[in-house]
Amino acid sequence: MTPNWLYRLQQAFVTIIHFVLLGWIFYTLQNAGSMSTNAVMMHFTGMSILGAVLIRGTAWWAKRHHLNEIKAKRRRGRDA
């Protein structure tokens, strides 16, 4: 089984990435009036890509851990 501190490290990493995304959104919304339409569109495109990768990546990570825990439980069941 994975130690608890590894889960906490992963959660901290995901939280930091969320704060980066939130900061980027806040920056873009504050400065959108002085940017060209193309620059604003590029910022929002980048934010949506980062958000999608973040959602997909965390879902993959959680599924991987879940499947590894199931395999470990099955191994422990056979070894007992």
PDB file of N, CA and C in Angstrom:
ATOM      1  N   MET A   1       0.844  -1.179   0.000  1.00  0.00           N
ATOM      2  CA  MET A   1       0.000   0.000   0.000  1.00  0.00           C
ATOM      3  C   MET A   1       0.893   1.248   0.000  1.00  0.00           C
ATOM      4  N   THR A   2       0.483   2.237  -0.693  1.00  0.00           N
ATOM      5  CA  THR A   2       1.247   3.477  -0.787  1.00  0.00           C
ATOM      6  C   THR A   2       1.187   4.226   0.540  1.00  0.00           C
ATOM      7  N   PRO A   3       2.340   4.726   1.002  1.00  0.00           N
ATOM      8  CA  PRO A   3       2.329   5.506   2.253  1.00  0.00           C
ATOM      9  C   PRO A   3       1.454   6.751   2.119  1.00  0.00           C
ATOM     10  N   ASN A   4       0.898   7.162   3.243  1.00  0.00           N
ATOM     11  CA  ASN A   4      -0.020   8.291   3.280  1.00  0.00           C
ATOM     12  C   ASN A   4       0.645   9.579   2.800  1.00  0.00           C
ATOM     13  N   TRP A   5       1.948   9.745   3.063  1.00  0.00           N
ATOM     14  CA  TRP A   5       2.607  10.995   2.679  1.00  0.00           C
ATOM     15  C   TRP A   5       2.683  11.146   1.166  1.00  0.00           C
ATOM     16  N   LEU A   6       2.697  10.051   0.421  1.00  0.00           N
ATOM     17  CA  LEU A   6       2.696  10.157  -1.040  1.00  0.00           C
ATOM     18  C   LEU A   6       1.359  10.697  -1.550  1.00  0.00           C
ATOM     19  N   TYR A   7       0.267  10.247  -0.934  1.00  0.00           N
ATOM     20  CA  TYR A   7      -1.052  10.787  -1.306  1.00  0.00           C
ATOM     21  C   TYR A   7      -1.122  12.273  -0.993  1.00  0.00           C
ATOM     22  N   ARG A   8      -0.601  12.650   0.171  1.00  0.00           N
ATOM     23  CA  ARG A   8      -0.613  14.064   0.560  1.00  0.00           C
ATOM     24  C   ARG A   8       0.250  14.895  -0.389  1.00  0.00           C
ATOM     25  N   LEU A   9       1.374  14.356  -0.825  1.00  0.00           N
ATOM     26  CA  LEU A   9       2.235  15.055  -1.777  1.00  0.00           C
ATOM     27  C   LEU A   9       1.506  15.257  -3.108  1.00  0.00           C
ATOM     28  N   GLN A  10       0.797  14.249  -3.561  1.00  0.00           N
ATOM     29  CA  GLN A  10       0.030  14.358  -4.793  1.00  0.00           C
ATOM     30  C   GLN A  10      -1.085  15.387  -4.643  1.00  0.00           C
ATOM     31  N   GLN A  11      -1.752  15.365  -3.512  1.00  0.00           N
ATOM     32  CA  GLN A  11      -2.823  16.336  -3.280  1.00  0.00           C
ATOM     33  C   GLN A  11      -2.262  17.755  -3.239  1.00  0.00           C
ATOM     34  N   ALA A  12      -1.098  17.928  -2.636  1.00  0.00           N
ATOM     35  CA  ALA A  12      -0.473  19.254  -2.599  1.00  0.00           C
ATOM     36  C   ALA A  12      -0.113  19.712  -4.005  1.00  0.00           C
ATOM     37  N   PHE A  13       0.416  18.811  -4.819  1.00  0.00           N
ATOM     38  CA  PHE A  13       0.775  19.141  -6.200  1.00  0.00           C
ATOM     39  C   PHE A  13      -0.460  19.586  -6.988  1.00  0.00           C
ATOM     40  N   VAL A  14      -1.534  18.849  -6.874  1.00  0.00           N
ATOM     41  CA  VAL A  14      -2.767  19.184  -7.592  1.00  0.00           C
ATOM     42  C   VAL A  14      -3.314  20.521  -7.105  1.00  0.00           C
ATOM     43  N   THR A  15      -3.253  20.756  -5.797  1.00  0.00           N
ATOM     44  CA  THR A  15      -3.730  22.027  -5.245  1.00  0.00           C
ATOM     45  C   THR A  15      -2.908  23.200  -5.772  1.00  0.00           C
ATOM     46  N   ILE A  16      -1.602  23.039  -5.830  1.00  0.00           N
ATOM     47  CA  ILE A  16      -0.736  24.103  -6.348  1.00  0.00           C
ATOM     48  C   ILE A  16      -1.059  24.401  -7.799  1.00  0.00           C
ATOM     49  N   ILE A  17      -1.262  23.359  -8.611  1.00  0.00           N
ATOM     50  CA  ILE A  17      -1.608  23.567 -10.020  1.00  0.00           C
ATOM     51  C   ILE A  17      -2.955  24.281 -10.135  1.00  0.00           C
ATOM     52  N   HIS A  18      -3.897  23.948  -9.270  1.00  0.00           N
ATOM     53  CA  HIS A  18      -5.188  24.649  -9.278  1.00  0.00           C
ATOM     54  C   HIS A  18      -5.006  26.128  -8.954  1.00  0.00           C
ATOM     55  N   PHE A  19      -4.149  26.421  -7.984  1.00  0.00           N
ATOM     56  CA  PHE A  19      -3.901  27.827  -7.646  1.00  0.00           C
ATOM     57  C   PHE A  19      -3.211  28.570  -8.789  1.00  0.00           C
ATOM     58  N   VAL A  20      -2.322  27.894  -9.502  1.00  0.00           N
ATOM     59  CA  VAL A  20      -1.692  28.507 -10.677  1.00  0.00           C
ATOM     60  C   VAL A  20      -2.753  28.838 -11.720  1.00  0.00           C
ATOM     61  N   LEU A  21      -3.647  27.895 -11.974  1.00  0.00           N
ATOM     62  CA  LEU A  21      -4.729  28.114 -12.931  1.00  0.00           C
ATOM     63  C   LEU A  21      -5.638  29.260 -12.475  1.00  0.00           C
ATOM     64  N   LEU A  22      -5.974  29.285 -11.203  1.00  0.00           N
ATOM     65  CA  LEU A  22      -6.806  30.357 -10.668  1.00  0.00           C
ATOM     66  C   LEU A  22      -6.117  31.716 -10.802  1.00  0.00           C
ATOM     67  N   GLY A  23      -4.823  31.757 -10.529  1.00  0.00           N
ATOM     68  CA  GLY A  23      -4.066  32.996 -10.697  1.00  0.00           C
ATOM     69  C   GLY A  23      -4.040  33.459 -12.143  1.00  0.00           C
ATOM     70  N   TRP A  24      -3.898  32.509 -13.054  1.00  0.00           N
ATOM     71  CA  TRP A  24      -3.880  32.833 -14.482  1.00  0.00           C
ATOM     72  C   TRP A  24      -5.242  33.404 -14.902  1.00  0.00           C
ATOM     73  N   ILE A  25      -6.317  32.787 -14.421  1.00  0.00           N
ATOM     74  CA  ILE A  25      -7.661  33.282 -14.738  1.00  0.00           C
ATOM     75  C   ILE A  25      -7.835  34.700 -14.193  1.00  0.00           C
ATOM     76  N   PHE A  26      -7.420  34.910 -12.948  1.00  0.00           N
ATOM     77  CA  PHE A  26      -7.552  36.225 -12.324  1.00  0.00           C
ATOM     78  C   PHE A  26      -6.738  37.270 -13.099  1.00  0.00           C
ATOM     79  N   TYR A  27      -5.507  36.913 -13.476  1.00  0.00           N
ATOM     80  CA  TYR A  27      -4.654  37.830 -14.246  1.00  0.00           C
ATOM     81  C   TYR A  27      -5.324  38.196 -15.572  1.00  0.00           C
ATOM     82  N   THR A  28      -5.828  37.204 -16.271  1.00  0.00           N
ATOM     83  CA  THR A  28      -6.444  37.450 -17.576  1.00  0.00           C
ATOM     84  C   THR A  28      -7.685  38.322 -17.444  1.00  0.00           C
ATOM     85  N   LEU A  29      -8.502  38.044 -16.454  1.00  0.00           N
ATOM     86  CA  LEU A  29      -9.716  38.844 -16.282  1.00  0.00           C
ATOM     87  C   LEU A  29      -9.394  40.285 -15.891  1.00  0.00           C
ATOM     88  N   GLN A  30      -8.336  40.476 -15.107  1.00  0.00           N
ATOM     89  CA  GLN A  30      -7.950  41.834 -14.715  1.00  0.00           C
ATOM     90  C   GLN A  30      -7.397  42.626 -15.889  1.00  0.00           C
ATOM     91  N   ASN A  31      -6.671  41.974 -16.770  1.00  0.00           N
ATOM     92  CA  ASN A  31      -5.969  42.669 -17.834  1.00  0.00           C
ATOM     93  C   ASN A  31      -6.590  42.503 -19.211  1.00  0.00           C
ATOM     94  N   ALA A  32      -7.738  41.867 -19.295  1.00  0.00           N
ATOM     95  CA  ALA A  32      -8.350  41.607 -20.598  1.00  0.00           C
ATOM     96  C   ALA A  32      -8.705  42.892 -21.339  1.00  0.00           C
ATOM     97  N   GLY A  33      -9.003  43.959 -20.602  1.00  0.00           N
ATOM     98  CA  GLY A  33      -9.374  45.215 -21.244  1.00  0.00           C
ATOM     99  C   GLY A  33      -8.228  45.861 -22.001  1.00  0.00           C
ATOM    100  N   SER A  34      -7.002  45.595 -21.571  1.00  0.00           N
ATOM    101  CA  SER A  34      -5.851  46.188 -22.245  1.00  0.00           C
ATOM    102  C   SER A  34      -5.195  45.234 -23.244  1.00  0.00           C
ATOM    103  N   MET A  35      -5.726  44.024 -23.370  1.00  0.00           N
ATOM    104  CA  MET A  35      -5.175  43.039 -24.307  1.00  0.00           C
ATOM    105  C   MET A  35      -5.981  43.044 -25.598  1.00  0.00           C
ATOM    106  N   SER A  36      -5.341  42.545 -26.627  1.00  0.00           N
ATOM    107  CA  SER A  36      -6.074  42.365 -27.881  1.00  0.00           C
ATOM    108  C   SER A  36      -7.011  41.166 -27.744  1.00  0.00           C
ATOM    109  N   THR A  37      -7.999  41.115 -28.604  1.00  0.00           N
ATOM    110  CA  THR A  37      -8.943  39.998 -28.567  1.00  0.00           C
ATOM    111  C   THR A  37      -8.219  38.681 -28.785  1.00  0.00           C
ATOM    112  N   ASN A  38      -7.238  38.677 -29.671  1.00  0.00           N
ATOM    113  CA  ASN A  38      -6.479  37.470 -29.947  1.00  0.00           C
ATOM    114  C   ASN A  38      -5.711  37.010 -28.698  1.00  0.00           C
ATOM    115  N   ALA A  39      -5.106  37.942 -27.985  1.00  0.00           N
ATOM    116  CA  ALA A  39      -4.353  37.581 -26.776  1.00  0.00           C
ATOM    117  C   ALA A  39      -5.289  37.003 -25.717  1.00  0.00           C
ATOM    118  N   VAL A  40      -6.462  37.598 -25.553  1.00  0.00           N
ATOM    119  CA  VAL A  40      -7.429  37.074 -24.581  1.00  0.00           C
ATOM    120  C   VAL A  40      -7.883  35.677 -24.989  1.00  0.00           C
ATOM    121  N   MET A  41      -8.154  35.485 -26.266  1.00  0.00           N
ATOM    122  CA  MET A  41      -8.557  34.157 -26.748  1.00  0.00           C
ATOM    123  C   MET A  41      -7.457  33.121 -26.498  1.00  0.00           C
ATOM    124  N   MET A  42      -6.209  33.519 -26.725  1.00  0.00           N
ATOM    125  CA  MET A  42      -5.092  32.592 -26.499  1.00  0.00           C
ATOM    126  C   MET A  42      -4.969  32.250 -25.010  1.00  0.00           C
ATOM    127  N   HIS A  43      -5.160  33.234 -24.139  1.00  0.00           N
ATOM    128  CA  HIS A  43      -5.114  32.971 -22.700  1.00  0.00           C
ATOM    129  C   HIS A  43      -6.216  31.990 -22.305  1.00  0.00           C
ATOM    130  N   PHE A  44      -7.438  32.235 -22.761  1.00  0.00           N
ATOM    131  CA  PHE A  44      -8.537  31.347 -22.397  1.00  0.00           C
ATOM    132  C   PHE A  44      -8.380  29.961 -23.018  1.00  0.00           C
ATOM    133  N   THR A  45      -7.798  29.883 -24.199  1.00  0.00           N
ATOM    134  CA  THR A  45      -7.511  28.574 -24.796  1.00  0.00           C
ATOM    135  C   THR A  45      -6.487  27.825 -23.951  1.00  0.00           C
ATOM    136  N   GLY A  46      -5.451  28.519 -23.538  1.00  0.00           N
ATOM    137  CA  GLY A  46      -4.442  27.897 -22.681  1.00  0.00           C
ATOM    138  C   GLY A  46      -5.012  27.451 -21.348  1.00  0.00           C
ATOM    139  N   MET A  47      -5.862  28.271 -20.767  1.00  0.00           N
ATOM    140  CA  MET A  47      -6.486  27.909 -19.486  1.00  0.00           C
ATOM    141  C   MET A  47      -7.368  26.680 -19.634  1.00  0.00           C
ATOM    142  N   SER A  48      -8.114  26.617 -20.727  1.00  0.00           N
ATOM    143  CA  SER A  48      -8.996  25.463 -20.917  1.00  0.00           C
ATOM    144  C   SER A  48      -8.184  24.190 -21.150  1.00  0.00           C
ATOM    145  N   ILE A  49      -7.075  24.301 -21.857  1.00  0.00           N
ATOM    146  CA  ILE A  49      -6.209  23.134 -22.064  1.00  0.00           C
ATOM    147  C   ILE A  49      -5.609  22.689 -20.737  1.00  0.00           C
ATOM    148  N   LEU A  50      -5.101  23.636 -19.943  1.00  0.00           N
ATOM    149  CA  LEU A  50      -4.537  23.289 -18.636  1.00  0.00           C
ATOM    150  C   LEU A  50      -5.602  22.667 -17.740  1.00  0.00           C
ATOM    151  N   GLY A  51      -6.810  23.207 -17.740  1.00  0.00           N
ATOM    152  CA  GLY A  51      -7.892  22.642 -16.937  1.00  0.00           C
ATOM    153  C   GLY A  51      -8.242  21.231 -17.370  1.00  0.00           C
ATOM    154  N   ALA A  52      -8.308  21.007 -18.668  1.00  0.00           N
ATOM    155  CA  ALA A  52      -8.632  19.670 -19.178  1.00  0.00           C
ATOM    156  C   ALA A  52      -7.541  18.665 -18.830  1.00  0.00           C
ATOM    157  N   VAL A  53      -6.289  19.071 -18.979  1.00  0.00           N
ATOM    158  CA  VAL A  53      -5.171  18.186 -18.630  1.00  0.00           C
ATOM    159  C   VAL A  53      -5.175  17.905 -17.130  1.00  0.00           C
ATOM    160  N   LEU A  54      -5.484  18.899 -16.340  1.00  0.00           N
ATOM    161  CA  LEU A  54      -5.536  18.724 -14.891  1.00  0.00           C
ATOM    162  C   LEU A  54      -6.638  17.742 -14.496  1.00  0.00           C
ATOM    163  N   ILE A  55      -7.810  17.889 -15.084  1.00  0.00           N
ATOM    164  CA  ILE A  55      -8.908  16.969 -14.783  1.00  0.00           C
ATOM    165  C   ILE A  55      -8.568  15.559 -15.233  1.00  0.00           C
ATOM    166  N   ARG A  56      -8.084  15.427 -16.454  1.00  0.00           N
ATOM    167  CA  ARG A  56      -7.755  14.098 -16.992  1.00  0.00           C
ATOM    168  C   ARG A  56      -6.610  13.460 -16.218  1.00  0.00           C
ATOM    169  N   GLY A  57      -5.614  14.265 -15.894  1.00  0.00           N
ATOM    170  CA  GLY A  57      -4.454  13.734 -15.168  1.00  0.00           C
ATOM    171  C   GLY A  57      -4.803  13.264 -13.776  1.00  0.00           C
ATOM    172  N   THR A  58      -5.597  14.032 -13.057  1.00  0.00           N
ATOM    173  CA  THR A  58      -5.968  13.613 -11.701  1.00  0.00           C
ATOM    174  C   THR A  58      -6.892  12.398 -11.733  1.00  0.00           C
ATOM    175  N   ALA A  59      -7.754  12.295 -12.731  1.00  0.00           N
ATOM    176  CA  ALA A  59      -8.615  11.113 -12.859  1.00  0.00           C
ATOM    177  C   ALA A  59      -7.778   9.875 -13.147  1.00  0.00           C
ATOM    178  N   TRP A  60      -6.787  10.001 -14.013  1.00  0.00           N
ATOM    179  CA  TRP A  60      -5.899   8.876 -14.325  1.00  0.00           C
ATOM    180  C   TRP A  60      -5.121   8.460 -13.079  1.00  0.00           C
ATOM    181  N   TRP A  61      -4.619   9.444 -12.354  1.00  0.00           N
ATOM    182  CA  TRP A  61      -3.847   9.191 -11.146  1.00  0.00           C
ATOM    183  C   TRP A  61      -4.693   8.448 -10.106  1.00  0.00           C
ATOM    184  N   ALA A  62      -5.900   8.914  -9.894  1.00  0.00           N
ATOM    185  CA  ALA A  62      -6.783   8.279  -8.915  1.00  0.00           C
ATOM    186  C   ALA A  62      -7.139   6.852  -9.343  1.00  0.00           C
ATOM    187  N   LYS A  63      -7.415   6.647 -10.632  1.00  0.00           N
ATOM    188  CA  LYS A  63      -7.754   5.309 -11.127  1.00  0.00           C
ATOM    189  C   LYS A  63      -6.570   4.368 -10.956  1.00  0.00           C
ATOM    190  N   ARG A  64      -5.376   4.854 -11.248  1.00  0.00           N
ATOM    191  CA  ARG A  64      -4.166   4.048 -11.109  1.00  0.00           C
ATOM    192  C   ARG A  64      -3.983   3.592  -9.661  1.00  0.00           C
ATOM    193  N   HIS A  65      -4.154   4.507  -8.715  1.00  0.00           N
ATOM    194  CA  HIS A  65      -4.018   4.153  -7.306  1.00  0.00           C
ATOM    195  C   HIS A  65      -5.107   3.177  -6.872  1.00  0.00           C
ATOM    196  N   HIS A  66      -6.310   3.391  -7.343  1.00  0.00           N
ATOM    197  CA  HIS A  66      -7.417   2.506  -6.995  1.00  0.00           C
ATOM    198  C   HIS A  66      -7.145   1.089  -7.496  1.00  0.00           C
ATOM    199  N   LEU A  67      -6.712   0.962  -8.739  1.00  0.00           N
ATOM    200  CA  LEU A  67      -6.431  -0.369  -9.290  1.00  0.00           C
ATOM    201  C   LEU A  67      -5.261  -1.032  -8.585  1.00  0.00           C
ATOM    202  N   ASN A  68      -4.238  -0.248  -8.224  1.00  0.00           N
ATOM    203  CA  ASN A  68      -3.101  -0.808  -7.497  1.00  0.00           C
ATOM    204  C   ASN A  68      -3.521  -1.305  -6.112  1.00  0.00           C
ATOM    205  N   GLU A  69      -4.428  -0.587  -5.458  1.00  0.00           N
ATOM    206  CA  GLU A  69      -4.916  -1.035  -4.156  1.00  0.00           C
ATOM    207  C   GLU A  69      -5.726  -2.317  -4.280  1.00  0.00           C
ATOM    208  N   ILE A  70      -6.520  -2.430  -5.324  1.00  0.00           N
ATOM    209  CA  ILE A  70      -7.289  -3.658  -5.553  1.00  0.00           C
ATOM    210  C   ILE A  70      -6.343  -4.834  -5.784  1.00  0.00           C
ATOM    211  N   LYS A  71      -5.308  -4.623  -6.609  1.00  0.00           N
ATOM    212  CA  LYS A  71      -4.336  -5.699  -6.857  1.00  0.00           C
ATOM    213  C   LYS A  71      -3.626  -6.100  -5.577  1.00  0.00           C
ATOM    214  N   ALA A  72      -3.261  -5.121  -4.759  1.00  0.00           N
ATOM    215  CA  ALA A  72      -2.565  -5.424  -3.503  1.00  0.00           C
ATOM    216  C   ALA A  72      -3.470  -6.220  -2.564  1.00  0.00           C
ATOM    217  N   LYS A  73      -4.752  -5.875  -2.508  1.00  0.00           N
ATOM    218  CA  LYS A  73      -5.691  -6.610  -1.649  1.00  0.00           C
ATOM    219  C   LYS A  73      -5.850  -8.042  -2.140  1.00  0.00           C
ATOM    220  N   ARG A  74      -5.894  -8.216  -3.450  1.00  0.00           N
ATOM    221  CA  ARG A  74      -6.018  -9.582  -4.000  1.00  0.00           C
ATOM    222  C   ARG A  74      -4.783 -10.402  -3.681  1.00  0.00           C
ATOM    223  N   ARG A  75      -3.589  -9.782  -3.801  1.00  0.00           N
ATOM    224  CA  ARG A  75      -2.348 -10.486  -3.482  1.00  0.00           C
ATOM    225  C   ARG A  75      -2.320 -10.874  -2.018  1.00  0.00           C
ATOM    226  N   ARG A  76      -2.745  -9.967  -1.137  1.00  0.00           N
ATOM    227  CA  ARG A  76      -2.754 -10.265   0.291  1.00  0.00           C
ATOM    228  C   ARG A  76      -3.751 -11.388   0.589  1.00  0.00           C
ATOM    229  N   GLY A  77      -4.849 -11.427  -0.137  1.00  0.00           N
ATOM    230  CA  GLY A  77      -5.839 -12.472   0.038  1.00  0.00           C
ATOM    231  C   GLY A  77      -5.314 -13.840  -0.374  1.00  0.00           C
ATOM    232  N   ARG A  78      -4.528 -13.885  -1.444  1.00  0.00           N
ATOM    233  CA  ARG A  78      -3.950 -15.153  -1.904  1.00  0.00           C
ATOM    234  C   ARG A  78      -2.823 -15.615  -1.003  1.00  0.00           C
ATOM    235  N   ASP A  79      -2.073 -14.644  -0.466  1.00  0.00           N
ATOM    236  CA  ASP A  79      -0.916 -15.007   0.366  1.00  0.00           C
ATOM    237  C   ASP A  79      -1.341 -15.472   1.755  1.00  0.00           C
ATOM    238  N   ALA A  80      -2.542 -15.127   2.165  1.00  0.00           N
ATOM    239  CA  ALA A  80      -2.978 -15.460   3.540  1.00  0.00           C
ATOM    240  C   ALA A  80      -3.324 -16.925   3.687  1.00  0.00           C
TER     241      ALA A  80
END
